[in-house]
PDB file of all heavy atoms in Angstrom:
ATOM      1  N   ASN A   1       0.805  -1.213   0.002  1.00  0.00           N
ATOM      2  CA  ASN A   1       0.028  -0.008  -0.006  1.00  0.00           C
ATOM      3  C   ASN A   1       0.826   1.292   0.008  1.00  0.00           C
ATOM      4  O   ASN A   1       0.462   2.300  -0.569  1.00  0.00           O
ATOM      5  CB  ASN A   1      -0.953   0.015   1.184  1.00  0.00           C
ATOM      6  CG  ASN A   1      -2.139  -0.931   1.022  1.00  0.00           C
ATOM      7  OD1 ASN A   1      -2.212  -1.603   0.018  1.00  0.00           O
ATOM      8  ND2 ASN A   1      -2.896  -1.064   2.034  1.00  0.00           N
ATOM      9  N   ILE A   2       2.027   1.268   0.643  1.00  0.00           N
ATOM     10  CA  ILE A   2       2.929   2.400   0.698  1.00  0.00           C
ATOM     11  C   ILE A   2       3.420   2.633  -0.724  1.00  0.00           C
ATOM     12  O   ILE A   2       3.434   3.810  -1.186  1.00  0.00           O
ATOM     13  CB  ILE A   2       4.054   2.189   1.679  1.00  0.00           C
ATOM     14  CG1 ILE A   2       3.513   2.108   3.093  1.00  0.00           C
ATOM     15  CG2 ILE A   2       5.087   3.394   1.505  1.00  0.00           C
ATOM     16  CD1 ILE A   2       2.871   3.380   3.564  1.00  0.00           C
ATOM     17  N   ALA A   3       3.821   1.592  -1.455  1.00  0.00           N
ATOM     18  CA  ALA A   3       4.257   1.767  -2.855  1.00  0.00           C
ATOM     19  C   ALA A   3       3.066   2.352  -3.716  1.00  0.00           C
ATOM     20  O   ALA A   3       3.355   3.169  -4.611  1.00  0.00           O
ATOM     21  CB  ALA A   3       4.675   0.399  -3.441  1.00  0.00           C
ATOM     22  N   ASP A   4       1.881   1.952  -3.452  1.00  0.00           N
ATOM     23  CA  ASP A   4       0.727   2.397  -4.186  1.00  0.00           C
ATOM     24  C   ASP A   4       0.522   3.880  -3.986  1.00  0.00           C
ATOM     25  O   ASP A   4       0.191   4.693  -4.905  1.00  0.00           O
ATOM     26  CB  ASP A   4      -0.505   1.569  -3.891  1.00  0.00           C
ATOM     27  CG  ASP A   4      -0.362   0.114  -4.376  1.00  0.00           C
ATOM     28  OD1 ASP A   4       0.502  -0.118  -5.231  1.00  0.00           O
ATOM     29  OD2 ASP A   4      -1.121  -0.724  -3.887  1.00  0.00           O
ATOM     30  N   VAL A   5       0.570   4.302  -2.736  1.00  0.00           N
ATOM     31  CA  VAL A   5       0.335   5.681  -2.398  1.00  0.00           C
ATOM     32  C   VAL A   5       1.468   6.568  -3.056  1.00  0.00           C
ATOM     33  O   VAL A   5       1.208   7.650  -3.508  1.00  0.00           O
ATOM     34  CB  VAL A   5       0.310   5.885  -0.829  1.00  0.00           C
ATOM     35  CG1 VAL A   5       0.377   7.402  -0.523  1.00  0.00           C
ATOM     36  CG2 VAL A   5      -0.894   5.208  -0.247  1.00  0.00           C
ATOM     37  N   LEU A   6       2.730   6.030  -3.069  1.00  0.00           N
ATOM     38  CA  LEU A   6       3.817   6.778  -3.647  1.00  0.00           C
ATOM     39  C   LEU A   6       3.721   6.857  -5.152  1.00  0.00           C
ATOM     40  O   LEU A   6       4.125   7.895  -5.721  1.00  0.00           O
ATOM     41  CB  LEU A   6       5.095   6.151  -3.213  1.00  0.00           C
ATOM     42  CG  LEU A   6       5.571   6.314  -1.802  1.00  0.00           C
ATOM     43  CD1 LEU A   6       6.738   5.423  -1.460  1.00  0.00           C
ATOM     44  CD2 LEU A   6       5.894   7.760  -1.531  1.00  0.00           C
ATOM     45  N   HIS A   7       3.227   5.786  -5.823  1.00  0.00           N
ATOM     46  CA  HIS A   7       3.470   5.723  -7.268  1.00  0.00           C
ATOM     47  C   HIS A   7       2.261   5.557  -8.137  1.00  0.00           C
ATOM     48  O   HIS A   7       2.248   5.825  -9.286  1.00  0.00           O
ATOM     49  CB  HIS A   7       4.462   4.566  -7.552  1.00  0.00           C
ATOM     50  CG  HIS A   7       5.751   4.675  -6.875  1.00  0.00           C
ATOM     51  ND1 HIS A   7       6.652   5.770  -7.145  1.00  0.00           N
ATOM     52  CD2 HIS A   7       6.375   3.954  -5.919  1.00  0.00           C
ATOM     53  CE1 HIS A   7       7.737   5.634  -6.420  1.00  0.00           C
ATOM     54  NE2 HIS A   7       7.591   4.577  -5.674  1.00  0.00           N
ATOM     55  N   LEU A   8       1.167   4.974  -7.600  1.00  0.00           N
ATOM     56  CA  LEU A   8      -0.058   4.671  -8.453  1.00  0.00           C
ATOM     57  C   LEU A   8      -0.843   5.935  -8.657  1.00  0.00           C
ATOM     58  O   LEU A   8      -1.221   6.651  -7.644  1.00  0.00           O
ATOM     59  CB  LEU A   8      -0.910   3.580  -7.788  1.00  0.00           C
ATOM     60  CG  LEU A   8      -0.531   2.168  -8.121  1.00  0.00           C
ATOM     61  CD1 LEU A   8      -1.591   1.209  -7.594  1.00  0.00           C
ATOM     62  CD2 LEU A   8      -0.320   1.878  -9.609  1.00  0.00           C
ATOM     63  N   LYS A   9      -1.204   6.207  -9.868  1.00  0.00           N
ATOM     64  CA  LYS A   9      -2.063   7.400 -10.186  1.00  0.00           C
ATOM     65  C   LYS A   9      -3.474   7.097  -9.606  1.00  0.00           C
ATOM     66  O   LYS A   9      -3.984   5.964  -9.760  1.00  0.00           O
ATOM     67  CB  LYS A   9      -2.156   7.601 -11.673  1.00  0.00           C
ATOM     68  CG  LYS A   9      -0.781   8.046 -12.337  1.00  0.00           C
ATOM     69  CD  LYS A   9      -1.003   8.241 -13.833  1.00  0.00           C
ATOM     70  CE  LYS A   9       0.308   8.668 -14.448  1.00  0.00           C
ATOM     71  NZ  LYS A   9       0.212   8.846 -15.903  1.00  0.00           N
ATOM     72  N   GLY A  10      -4.021   8.081  -8.975  1.00  0.00           N
ATOM     73  CA  GLY A  10      -5.396   7.983  -8.514  1.00  0.00           C
ATOM     74  C   GLY A  10      -5.491   7.418  -7.083  1.00  0.00           C
ATOM     75  O   GLY A  10      -6.625   7.337  -6.524  1.00  0.00           O
ATOM     76  N   VAL A  11      -4.430   6.990  -6.454  1.00  0.00           N
ATOM     77  CA  VAL A  11      -4.501   6.547  -5.074  1.00  0.00           C
ATOM     78  C   VAL A  11      -4.211   7.717  -4.073  1.00  0.00           C
ATOM     79  O   VAL A  11      -3.137   8.253  -4.153  1.00  0.00           O
ATOM     80  CB  VAL A  11      -3.449   5.385  -4.787  1.00  0.00           C
ATOM     81  CG1 VAL A  11      -3.517   5.017  -3.348  1.00  0.00           C
ATOM     82  CG2 VAL A  11      -3.870   4.153  -5.622  1.00  0.00           C
ATOM     83  N   ASP A  12      -5.196   8.113  -3.309  1.00  0.00           N
ATOM     84  CA  ASP A  12      -5.066   9.292  -2.459  1.00  0.00           C
ATOM     85  C   ASP A  12      -4.625   8.901  -1.029  1.00  0.00           C
ATOM     86  O   ASP A  12      -3.812   9.543  -0.432  1.00  0.00           O
ATOM     87  CB  ASP A  12      -6.417  10.030  -2.400  1.00  0.00           C
ATOM     88  CG  ASP A  12      -6.790  10.585  -3.792  1.00  0.00           C
ATOM     89  OD1 ASP A  12      -6.109  11.369  -4.315  1.00  0.00           O
ATOM     90  OD2 ASP A  12      -7.902  10.182  -4.253  1.00  0.00           O
ATOM     91  N   LEU A  13      -5.258   7.835  -0.522  1.00  0.00           N
ATOM     92  CA  LEU A  13      -4.978   7.413   0.895  1.00  0.00           C
ATOM     93  C   LEU A  13      -4.594   5.940   0.944  1.00  0.00           C
ATOM     94  O   LEU A  13      -4.984   5.212   0.029  1.00  0.00           O
ATOM     95  CB  LEU A  13      -6.219   7.671   1.739  1.00  0.00           C
ATOM     96  CG  LEU A  13      -6.822   9.100   1.789  1.00  0.00           C
ATOM     97  CD1 LEU A  13      -8.123   9.042   2.547  1.00  0.00           C
ATOM     98  CD2 LEU A  13      -5.755  10.050   2.431  1.00  0.00           C
ATOM     99  N   GLY A  14      -3.975   5.562   1.975  1.00  0.00           N
ATOM    100  CA  GLY A  14      -3.677   4.113   2.172  1.00  0.00           C
ATOM    101  C   GLY A  14      -3.600   3.707   3.626  1.00  0.00           C
ATOM    102  O   GLY A  14      -3.354   4.517   4.489  1.00  0.00           O
ATOM    103  N   LEU A  15      -3.844   2.462   3.877  1.00  0.00           N
ATOM    104  CA  LEU A  15      -3.739   1.875   5.183  1.00  0.00           C
ATOM    105  C   LEU A  15      -2.460   1.112   5.265  1.00  0.00           C
ATOM    106  O   LEU A  15      -2.189   0.236   4.382  1.00  0.00           O
ATOM    107  CB  LEU A  15      -4.918   1.003   5.532  1.00  0.00           C
ATOM    108  CG  LEU A  15      -6.294   1.737   5.717  1.00  0.00           C
ATOM    109  CD1 LEU A  15      -7.444   0.843   5.549  1.00  0.00           C
ATOM    110  CD2 LEU A  15      -6.286   2.405   7.060  1.00  0.00           C
ATOM    111  N   SER A  16      -1.677   1.378   6.319  1.00  0.00           N
ATOM    112  CA  SER A  16      -0.380   0.642   6.459  1.00  0.00           C
ATOM    113  C   SER A  16      -0.088   0.467   7.962  1.00  0.00           C
ATOM    114  O   SER A  16      -0.976   0.615   8.789  1.00  0.00           O
ATOM    115  CB  SER A  16       0.779   1.478   5.763  1.00  0.00           C
ATOM    116  OG  SER A  16       1.955   0.672   5.769  1.00  0.00           O
ATOM    117  N   ARG A  17       1.171   0.098   8.263  1.00  0.00           N
ATOM    118  CA  ARG A  17       1.554  -0.219   9.646  1.00  0.00           C
ATOM    119  C   ARG A  17       2.836   0.463  10.042  1.00  0.00           C
ATOM    120  O   ARG A  17       3.678   0.763   9.130  1.00  0.00           O
ATOM    121  CB  ARG A  17       1.646  -1.676   9.850  1.00  0.00           C
ATOM    122  CG  ARG A  17       0.387  -2.429   9.807  1.00  0.00           C
ATOM    123  CD  ARG A  17       0.426  -3.664  10.626  1.00  0.00           C
ATOM    124  NE  ARG A  17       1.300  -4.665  10.084  1.00  0.00           N
ATOM    125  CZ  ARG A  17       0.809  -5.695   9.259  1.00  0.00           C
ATOM    126  NH1 ARG A  17      -0.486  -5.706   8.979  1.00  0.00           N
ATOM    127  NH2 ARG A  17       1.635  -6.585   8.806  1.00  0.00           N
ATOM    128  N   THR A  18       2.929   0.706  11.304  1.00  0.00           N
ATOM    129  CA  THR A  18       4.145   1.451  11.781  1.00  0.00           C
ATOM    130  C   THR A  18       5.438   0.666  11.594  1.00  0.00           C
ATOM    131  O   THR A  18       6.482   1.291  11.270  1.00  0.00           O
ATOM    132  CB  THR A  18       3.996   1.763  13.280  1.00  0.00           C
ATOM    133  OG1 THR A  18       3.717   0.542  14.033  1.00  0.00           O
ATOM    134  CG2 THR A  18       2.836   2.750  13.527  1.00  0.00           C
ATOM    135  N   ASP A  19       5.446  -0.677  11.739  1.00  0.00           N
ATOM    136  CA  ASP A  19       6.647  -1.408  11.501  1.00  0.00           C
ATOM    137  C   ASP A  19       7.091  -1.406  10.040  1.00  0.00           C
ATOM    138  O   ASP A  19       8.302  -1.250   9.687  1.00  0.00           O
ATOM    139  CB  ASP A  19       6.519  -2.847  11.986  1.00  0.00           C
ATOM    140  CG  ASP A  19       5.463  -3.656  11.259  1.00  0.00           C
ATOM    141  OD1 ASP A  19       4.560  -3.019  10.617  1.00  0.00           O
ATOM    142  OD2 ASP A  19       5.473  -4.898  11.340  1.00  0.00           O
ATOM    143  N   VAL A  20       6.139  -1.402   9.097  1.00  0.00           N
ATOM    144  CA  VAL A  20       6.433  -1.318   7.693  1.00  0.00           C
ATOM    145  C   VAL A  20       7.010   0.024   7.320  1.00  0.00           C
ATOM    146  O   VAL A  20       8.067   0.118   6.677  1.00  0.00           O
ATOM    147  CB  VAL A  20       5.190  -1.545   6.840  1.00  0.00           C
ATOM    148  CG1 VAL A  20       5.449  -1.235   5.370  1.00  0.00           C
ATOM    149  CG2 VAL A  20       4.662  -2.960   6.976  1.00  0.00           C
ATOM    150  N   MET A  21       6.464   1.093   7.863  1.00  0.00           N
ATOM    151  CA  MET A  21       6.964   2.406   7.522  1.00  0.00           C
ATOM    152  C   MET A  21       8.336   2.675   8.148  1.00  0.00           C
ATOM    153  O   MET A  21       9.183   3.328   7.501  1.00  0.00           O
ATOM    154  CB  MET A  21       5.940   3.463   7.999  1.00  0.00           C
ATOM    155  CG  MET A  21       4.607   3.384   7.199  1.00  0.00           C
ATOM    156  SD  MET A  21       3.331   4.512   7.839  1.00  0.00           S
ATOM    157  CE  MET A  21       3.991   6.089   7.424  1.00  0.00           C
ATOM    158  N   SER A  22       8.520   2.192   9.338  1.00  0.00           N
ATOM    159  CA  SER A  22       9.850   2.307   9.973  1.00  0.00           C
ATOM    160  C   SER A  22      10.940   1.622   9.141  1.00  0.00           C
ATOM    161  O   SER A  22      12.036   2.101   8.971  1.00  0.00           O
ATOM    162  CB  SER A  22       9.819   1.835  11.417  1.00  0.00           C
ATOM    163  OG  SER A  22       8.931   2.638  12.216  1.00  0.00           O
ATOM    164  N   HIS A  23      10.557   0.447   8.671  1.00  0.00           N
ATOM    165  CA  HIS A  23      11.518  -0.372   7.881  1.00  0.00           C
ATOM    166  C   HIS A  23      11.865   0.309   6.560  1.00  0.00           C
ATOM    167  O   HIS A  23      13.016   0.375   6.210  1.00  0.00           O
ATOM    168  CB  HIS A  23      10.866  -1.753   7.559  1.00  0.00           C
ATOM    169  CG  HIS A  23      11.606  -2.530   6.582  1.00  0.00           C
ATOM    170  ND1 HIS A  23      12.748  -3.267   6.895  1.00  0.00           N
ATOM    171  CD2 HIS A  23      11.368  -2.728   5.247  1.00  0.00           C
ATOM    172  CE1 HIS A  23      13.188  -3.854   5.792  1.00  0.00           C
ATOM    173  NE2 HIS A  23      12.377  -3.542   4.788  1.00  0.00           N
ATOM    174  N   LEU A  24      10.817   0.896   5.915  1.00  0.00           N
ATOM    175  CA  LEU A  24      11.052   1.559   4.658  1.00  0.00           C
ATOM    176  C   LEU A  24      11.899   2.829   4.819  1.00  0.00           C
ATOM    177  O   LEU A  24      12.756   3.169   3.947  1.00  0.00           O
ATOM    178  CB  LEU A  24       9.698   1.942   3.992  1.00  0.00           C
ATOM    179  CG  LEU A  24       8.907   0.722   3.551  1.00  0.00           C
ATOM    180  CD1 LEU A  24       7.509   1.231   3.036  1.00  0.00           C
ATOM    181  CD2 LEU A  24       9.574  -0.129   2.450  1.00  0.00           C
ATOM    182  N   ALA A  25      11.692   3.491   5.943  1.00  0.00           N
ATOM    183  CA  ALA A  25      12.523   4.662   6.209  1.00  0.00           C
ATOM    184  C   ALA A  25      14.047   4.299   6.459  1.00  0.00           C
ATOM    185  O   ALA A  25      14.952   5.048   6.119  1.00  0.00           O
ATOM    186  CB  ALA A  25      11.943   5.414   7.472  1.00  0.00           C
ATOM    187  N   ALA A  26      14.228   3.139   7.038  1.00  0.00           N
ATOM    188  CA  ALA A  26      15.638   2.700   7.360  1.00  0.00           C
ATOM    189  C   ALA A  26      16.306   2.116   6.153  1.00  0.00           C
ATOM    190  O   ALA A  26      17.560   2.247   6.022  1.00  0.00           O
ATOM    191  CB  ALA A  26      15.519   1.739   8.527  1.00  0.00           C
ATOM    192  N   THR A  27      15.534   1.494   5.226  1.00  0.00           N
ATOM    193  CA  THR A  27      16.206   0.779   4.123  1.00  0.00           C
ATOM    194  C   THR A  27      16.126   1.490   2.783  1.00  0.00           C
ATOM    195  O   THR A  27      16.858   1.141   1.833  1.00  0.00           O
ATOM    196  CB  THR A  27      15.486  -0.548   3.955  1.00  0.00           C
ATOM    197  OG1 THR A  27      14.137  -0.373   3.612  1.00  0.00           O
ATOM    198  CG2 THR A  27      15.588  -1.433   5.226  1.00  0.00           C
ATOM    199  N   ASN A  28      15.248   2.507   2.682  1.00  0.00           N
ATOM    200  CA  ASN A  28      15.082   3.257   1.367  1.00  0.00           C
ATOM    201  C   ASN A  28      14.603   2.331   0.251  1.00  0.00           C
ATOM    202  O   ASN A  28      14.948   2.561  -0.926  1.00  0.00           O
ATOM    203  CB  ASN A  28      16.406   3.960   0.971  1.00  0.00           C
ATOM    204  CG  ASN A  28      16.749   5.115   1.955  1.00  0.00           C
ATOM    205  OD1 ASN A  28      15.832   5.737   2.492  1.00  0.00           O
ATOM    206  ND2 ASN A  28      17.992   5.367   2.118  1.00  0.00           N
ATOM    207  N   GLU A  29      13.892   1.273   0.583  1.00  0.00           N
ATOM    208  CA  GLU A  29      13.450   0.273  -0.470  1.00  0.00           C
ATOM    209  C   GLU A  29      12.561   0.949  -1.479  1.00  0.00           C
ATOM    210  O   GLU A  29      12.512   0.536  -2.619  1.00  0.00           O
ATOM    211  CB  GLU A  29      12.724  -0.901   0.251  1.00  0.00           C
ATOM    212  CG  GLU A  29      13.631  -1.867   0.922  1.00  0.00           C
ATOM    213  CD  GLU A  29      12.934  -2.992   1.501  1.00  0.00           C
ATOM    214  OE1 GLU A  29      11.736  -3.277   1.130  1.00  0.00           O
ATOM    215  OE2 GLU A  29      13.471  -3.678   2.415  1.00  0.00           O
ATOM    216  N   PHE A  30      11.821   1.938  -1.009  1.00  0.00           N
ATOM    217  CA  PHE A  30      10.904   2.646  -1.944  1.00  0.00           C
ATOM    218  C   PHE A  30      11.412   4.051  -2.299  1.00  0.00           C
ATOM    219  O   PHE A  30      10.690   4.940  -2.706  1.00  0.00           O
ATOM    220  CB  PHE A  30       9.490   2.742  -1.376  1.00  0.00           C
ATOM    221  CG  PHE A  30       8.735   1.442  -1.287  1.00  0.00           C
ATOM    222  CD1 PHE A  30       7.606   1.311  -0.496  1.00  0.00           C
ATOM    223  CD2 PHE A  30       9.187   0.312  -1.990  1.00  0.00           C
ATOM    224  CE1 PHE A  30       6.933   0.123  -0.409  1.00  0.00           C
ATOM    225  CE2 PHE A  30       8.527  -0.877  -1.863  1.00  0.00           C
ATOM    226  CZ  PHE A  30       7.411  -1.002  -1.072  1.00  0.00           C
ATOM    227  N   GLY A  31      12.709   4.191  -2.198  1.00  0.00           N
ATOM    228  CA  GLY A  31      13.357   5.485  -2.479  1.00  0.00           C
ATOM    229  C   GLY A  31      13.648   6.257  -1.248  1.00  0.00           C
ATOM    230  O   GLY A  31      13.121   6.012  -0.146  1.00  0.00           O
ATOM    231  N   GLY A  32      14.536   7.241  -1.384  1.00  0.00           N
ATOM    232  CA  GLY A  32      15.005   8.003  -0.203  1.00  0.00           C
ATOM    233  C   GLY A  32      13.952   9.014   0.234  1.00  0.00           C
ATOM    234  O   GLY A  32      12.962   9.292  -0.479  1.00  0.00           O
ATOM    235  N   ASN A  33      14.163   9.620   1.363  1.00  0.00           N
ATOM    236  CA  ASN A  33      13.346  10.688   1.989  1.00  0.00           C
ATOM    237  C   ASN A  33      11.871  10.246   2.038  1.00  0.00           C
ATOM    238  O   ASN A  33      10.951  11.081   1.703  1.00  0.00           O
ATOM    239  CB  ASN A  33      13.510  12.010   1.176  1.00  0.00           C
ATOM    240  CG  ASN A  33      12.823  13.137   1.852  1.00  0.00           C
ATOM    241  OD1 ASN A  33      12.761  13.266   3.064  1.00  0.00           O
ATOM    242  ND2 ASN A  33      12.301  14.034   1.012  1.00  0.00           N
ATOM    243  N   ILE A  34      11.540   9.067   2.397  1.00  0.00           N
ATOM    244  CA  ILE A  34      10.144   8.601   2.391  1.00  0.00           C
ATOM    245  C   ILE A  34       9.380   9.374   3.476  1.00  0.00           C
ATOM    246  O   ILE A  34       8.208   9.649   3.406  1.00  0.00           O
ATOM    247  CB  ILE A  34      10.024   7.097   2.673  1.00  0.00           C
ATOM    248  CG1 ILE A  34       8.569   6.665   2.385  1.00  0.00           C
ATOM    249  CG2 ILE A  34      10.512   6.696   4.041  1.00  0.00           C
ATOM    250  CD1 ILE A  34       8.426   5.176   2.382  1.00  0.00           C
ATOM    251  N   LYS A  35      10.078   9.902   4.569  1.00  0.00           N
ATOM    252  CA  LYS A  35       9.349  10.629   5.587  1.00  0.00           C
ATOM    253  C   LYS A  35       8.969  12.002   5.103  1.00  0.00           C
ATOM    254  O   LYS A  35       8.028  12.659   5.665  1.00  0.00           O
ATOM    255  CB  LYS A  35      10.273  10.759   6.813  1.00  0.00           C
ATOM    256  CG  LYS A  35      10.449   9.482   7.610  1.00  0.00           C
ATOM    257  CD  LYS A  35      11.232   9.714   8.910  1.00  0.00           C
ATOM    258  CE  LYS A  35      11.263   8.467   9.661  1.00  0.00           C
ATOM    259  NZ  LYS A  35      11.990   8.607  10.997  1.00  0.00           N
ATOM    260  N   GLY A  36       9.600  12.475   4.074  1.00  0.00           N
ATOM    261  CA  GLY A  36       9.157  13.704   3.440  1.00  0.00           C
ATOM    262  C   GLY A  36       8.133  13.532   2.312  1.00  0.00           C
ATOM    263  O   GLY A  36       7.524  14.523   1.870  1.00  0.00           O
ATOM    264  N   ARG A  37       7.969  12.302   1.863  1.00  0.00           N
ATOM    265  CA  ARG A  37       7.041  11.994   0.753  1.00  0.00           C
ATOM    266  C   ARG A  37       5.730  11.476   1.273  1.00  0.00           C
ATOM    267  O   ARG A  37       4.694  11.436   0.516  1.00  0.00           O
ATOM    268  CB  ARG A  37       7.681  11.107  -0.205  1.00  0.00           C
ATOM    269  CG  ARG A  37       8.926  11.649  -0.898  1.00  0.00           C
ATOM    270  CD  ARG A  37       9.896  10.522  -1.387  1.00  0.00           C
ATOM    271  NE  ARG A  37       9.218   9.653  -2.325  1.00  0.00           N
ATOM    272  CZ  ARG A  37       9.673   8.357  -2.454  1.00  0.00           C
ATOM    273  NH1 ARG A  37      10.610   7.918  -1.719  1.00  0.00           N
ATOM    274  NH2 ARG A  37       9.054   7.560  -3.310  1.00  0.00           N
ATOM    275  N   ILE A  38       5.652  10.936   2.499  1.00  0.00           N
ATOM    276  CA  ILE A  38       4.462  10.346   3.032  1.00  0.00           C
ATOM    277  C   ILE A  38       4.080  11.093   4.360  1.00  0.00           C
ATOM    278  O   ILE A  38       4.965  11.372   5.136  1.00  0.00           O
ATOM    279  CB  ILE A  38       4.640   8.883   3.400  1.00  0.00           C
ATOM    280  CG1 ILE A  38       4.805   8.041   2.093  1.00  0.00           C
ATOM    281  CG2 ILE A  38       3.559   8.305   4.218  1.00  0.00           C
ATOM    282  CD1 ILE A  38       3.509   7.811   1.374  1.00  0.00           C
ATOM    283  N   THR A  39       2.830  11.428   4.487  1.00  0.00           N
ATOM    284  CA  THR A  39       2.373  12.020   5.733  1.00  0.00           C
ATOM    285  C   THR A  39       1.333  11.080   6.362  1.00  0.00           C
ATOM    286  O   THR A  39       0.717  10.296   5.637  1.00  0.00           O
ATOM    287  CB  THR A  39       1.669  13.354   5.502  1.00  0.00           C
ATOM    288  OG1 THR A  39       0.523  13.220   4.674  1.00  0.00           O
ATOM    289  CG2 THR A  39       2.663  14.353   4.922  1.00  0.00           C
ATOM    290  N   TYR A  40       1.088  11.153   7.632  1.00  0.00           N
ATOM    291  CA  TYR A  40       0.104  10.323   8.271  1.00  0.00           C
ATOM    292  C   TYR A  40      -1.038  11.251   8.762  1.00  0.00           C
ATOM    293  O   TYR A  40      -0.784  12.345   9.128  1.00  0.00           O
ATOM    294  CB  TYR A  40       0.664   9.482   9.396  1.00  0.00           C
ATOM    295  CG  TYR A  40       0.948  10.172  10.716  1.00  0.00           C
ATOM    296  CD1 TYR A  40       0.039  10.065  11.671  1.00  0.00           C
ATOM    297  CD2 TYR A  40       2.117  10.852  10.910  1.00  0.00           C
ATOM    298  CE1 TYR A  40       0.291  10.695  12.961  1.00  0.00           C
ATOM    299  CE2 TYR A  40       2.408  11.517  12.095  1.00  0.00           C
ATOM    300  CZ  TYR A  40       1.446  11.444  13.133  1.00  0.00           C
ATOM    301  OH  TYR A  40       1.729  12.073  14.330  1.00  0.00           O
ATOM    302  N   ILE A  41      -2.230  10.682   8.670  1.00  0.00           N
ATOM    303  CA  ILE A  41      -3.408  11.426   9.125  1.00  0.00           C
ATOM    304  C   ILE A  41      -3.724  11.037  10.592  1.00  0.00           C
ATOM    305  O   ILE A  41      -3.979  11.872  11.410  1.00  0.00           O
ATOM    306  CB  ILE A  41      -4.637  11.091   8.199  1.00  0.00           C
ATOM    307  CG1 ILE A  41      -4.334  11.645   6.807  1.00  0.00           C
ATOM    308  CG2 ILE A  41      -5.893  11.703   8.812  1.00  0.00           C
ATOM    309  CD1 ILE A  41      -5.263  11.189   5.780  1.00  0.00           C
ATOM    310  N   ALA A  42      -3.636   9.716  10.872  1.00  0.00           N
ATOM    311  CA  ALA A  42      -3.893   9.263  12.242  1.00  0.00           C
ATOM    312  C   ALA A  42      -3.440   7.863  12.431  1.00  0.00           C
ATOM    313  O   ALA A  42      -3.425   7.062  11.465  1.00  0.00           O
ATOM    314  CB  ALA A  42      -5.408   9.384  12.615  1.00  0.00           C
ATOM    315  N   LYS A  43      -2.984   7.501  13.616  1.00  0.00           N
ATOM    316  CA  LYS A  43      -2.814   6.106  13.989  1.00  0.00           C
ATOM    317  C   LYS A  43      -4.293   5.699  14.402  1.00  0.00           C
ATOM    318  O   LYS A  43      -4.907   6.309  15.195  1.00  0.00           O
ATOM    319  CB  LYS A  43      -1.915   5.938  15.185  1.00  0.00           C
ATOM    320  CG  LYS A  43      -0.428   6.244  14.860  1.00  0.00           C
ATOM    321  CD  LYS A  43       0.480   6.174  16.026  1.00  0.00           C
ATOM    322  CE  LYS A  43       0.529   4.743  16.646  1.00  0.00           C
ATOM    323  NZ  LYS A  43       1.480   4.633  17.737  1.00  0.00           N
ATOM    324  N   ILE A  44      -4.718   4.615  13.775  1.00  0.00           N
ATOM    325  CA  ILE A  44      -6.158   4.284  13.944  1.00  0.00           C
ATOM    326  C   ILE A  44      -6.449   3.080  14.881  1.00  0.00           C
ATOM    327  O   ILE A  44      -7.511   3.115  15.493  1.00  0.00           O
ATOM    328  CB  ILE A  44      -6.827   4.099  12.554  1.00  0.00           C
ATOM    329  CG1 ILE A  44      -6.064   3.188  11.679  1.00  0.00           C
ATOM    330  CG2 ILE A  44      -7.014   5.453  11.939  1.00  0.00           C
ATOM    331  CD1 ILE A  44      -6.703   2.923  10.337  1.00  0.00           C
ATOM    332  N   TYR A  45      -5.673   2.042  14.880  1.00  0.00           N
ATOM    333  CA  TYR A  45      -5.939   0.913  15.782  1.00  0.00           C
ATOM    334  C   TYR A  45      -4.713  -0.004  15.814  1.00  0.00           C
ATOM    335  O   TYR A  45      -3.702   0.290  15.187  1.00  0.00           O
ATOM    336  CB  TYR A  45      -7.192   0.210  15.333  1.00  0.00           C
ATOM    337  CG  TYR A  45      -7.058  -0.521  13.959  1.00  0.00           C
ATOM    338  CD1 TYR A  45      -6.668  -1.866  13.913  1.00  0.00           C
ATOM    339  CD2 TYR A  45      -7.344   0.161  12.809  1.00  0.00           C
ATOM    340  CE1 TYR A  45      -6.566  -2.435  12.617  1.00  0.00           C
ATOM    341  CE2 TYR A  45      -7.249  -0.460  11.569  1.00  0.00           C
ATOM    342  CZ  TYR A  45      -6.842  -1.734  11.512  1.00  0.00           C
ATOM    343  OH  TYR A  45      -6.728  -2.376  10.286  1.00  0.00           O
TER     344      TYR A  45
END
């Protein structure tokens, strides 16, 4: 879902998890500066 929010046309929002996002920030698997390219609206559950 993070890859889809970053790259798929027409995808506005996505549901993901904190461990996934922390991993992507540490490894740059989806490109650098992911913390500047993704914002969060809320931790939901």
